[in-house]
Amino acid sequence: MKAKLNDGFEVEILDSTVDDWEFLEVLSSIDEGETGQIVKAAKMLLGEDGVKSLKEHLRDENGRVKSTAMVDALSEIMSSASESKN
């Protein structure tokens, strides 16, 4: 399944993750304050290559990937996946 960001960037979502209990557990732990789990959630959702591609897309002129940009993009991807699933 593909997810598309508002800026037109597309990334592949691992279909198996959308209905994965352990992925839901990771999301729950993020909601409970374990914000470091967002990295694991991203890798579960997009795979290593997808995360790498997203990071390259979000990299700024100084070569940095802002964590706020990654979190915003992942939220957008999750919303896109949710809409596609319904």
Protein backbone atom coordinates (compact mmCIF):
# COMPACT_ATOMS: atom_id res chain seq x y z
CA MET A 1 0.00 0.00 0.00
CA LYS A 2 1.26 3.50 -0.79
CA ALA A 3 0.92 6.55 1.42
CA LYS A 4 1.24 10.03 0.01
CA LEU A 5 2.28 13.09 1.98
CA ASN A 6 0.71 16.48 1.33
CA ASP A 7 3.88 17.56 -0.48
CA GLY A 8 3.48 14.69 -2.96
CA PHE A 9 6.13 12.34 -1.54
CA GLU A 10 5.03 8.71 -1.73
CA VAL A 11 6.24 5.86 0.43
CA GLU A 12 5.29 2.20 0.61
CA ILE A 13 3.60 0.97 3.78
CA LEU A 14 4.18 -2.64 4.76
CA ASP A 15 0.66 -4.10 4.44
CA SER A 16 1.32 -6.66 7.14
CA THR A 17 1.91 -3.90 9.70
CA VAL A 18 -1.47 -2.21 9.35
CA ASP A 19 -3.18 -5.17 11.05
CA ASP A 20 -0.32 -6.21 13.36
CA TRP A 21 -0.98 -6.47 17.08
CA GLU A 22 2.65 -5.81 18.02
CA PHE A 23 2.58 -2.62 15.95
CA LEU A 24 -0.49 -1.57 17.93
CA GLU A 25 1.40 -2.31 21.16
CA VAL A 26 4.24 -0.05 20.02
CA LEU A 27 1.76 2.73 19.18
CA SER A 28 0.16 2.27 22.59
CA SER A 29 3.54 2.61 24.31
CA ILE A 30 4.10 5.87 22.40
CA ASP A 31 0.72 7.13 23.65
CA GLU A 32 1.81 6.21 27.18
CA GLY A 33 4.86 8.46 26.91
CA GLU A 34 7.54 6.16 25.51
CA THR A 35 8.28 8.53 22.63
CA GLY A 36 11.46 6.70 21.68
CA GLN A 37 9.27 3.90 20.35
CA ILE A 38 8.39 6.10 17.35
CA VAL A 39 11.61 4.90 15.70
CA LYS A 40 10.51 1.27 16.06
CA ALA A 41 7.02 2.13 14.80
CA ALA A 42 8.48 3.83 11.72
CA LYS A 43 10.63 0.82 10.90
CA MET A 44 7.70 -1.55 11.40
CA LEU A 45 5.44 0.58 9.19
CA LEU A 46 7.83 1.53 6.40
CA GLY A 47 10.70 -0.94 6.63
CA GLU A 48 14.35 0.09 6.64
CA ASP A 49 14.30 1.30 3.02
CA GLY A 50 11.12 3.33 3.51
CA VAL A 51 12.51 5.05 6.60
CA LYS A 52 15.73 5.82 4.73
CA SER A 53 13.78 7.25 1.80
CA LEU A 54 11.60 9.38 4.09
CA LYS A 55 14.65 10.68 5.95
CA GLU A 56 16.30 11.68 2.68
CA HIS A 57 13.12 13.44 1.61
CA LEU A 58 12.98 15.40 4.87
CA ARG A 59 16.70 16.20 5.12
CA ASP A 60 17.26 19.97 5.39
CA GLU A 61 19.92 22.16 3.81
CA ASN A 62 22.24 21.44 6.77
CA GLY A 63 21.98 17.69 6.25
CA ARG A 64 19.78 17.15 9.30
CA VAL A 65 16.47 15.39 9.61
CA LYS A 66 14.38 17.18 12.20
CA SER A 67 12.57 14.86 14.58
CA THR A 68 9.49 17.09 14.40
CA ALA A 69 9.43 16.70 10.62
CA MET A 70 9.69 12.90 10.92
CA VAL A 71 6.93 12.74 13.53
CA ASP A 72 4.68 14.98 11.42
CA ALA A 73 5.32 12.89 8.31
CA LEU A 74 4.69 9.63 10.17
CA SER A 75 1.43 11.01 11.55
CA GLU A 76 0.39 11.97 8.04
CA ILE A 77 1.34 8.50 6.76
CA MET A 78 -0.66 6.84 9.53
CA SER A 79 -3.69 8.98 8.67
CA SER A 80 -3.28 8.09 5.00
CA ALA A 81 -3.08 4.39 5.86
CA SER A 82 -6.15 4.63 8.06
CA GLU A 83 -8.14 6.34 5.30
CA SER A 84 -7.01 3.75 2.74
CA LYS A 85 -8.01 0.89 5.04
CA ASN A 86 -11.58 2.19 5.49
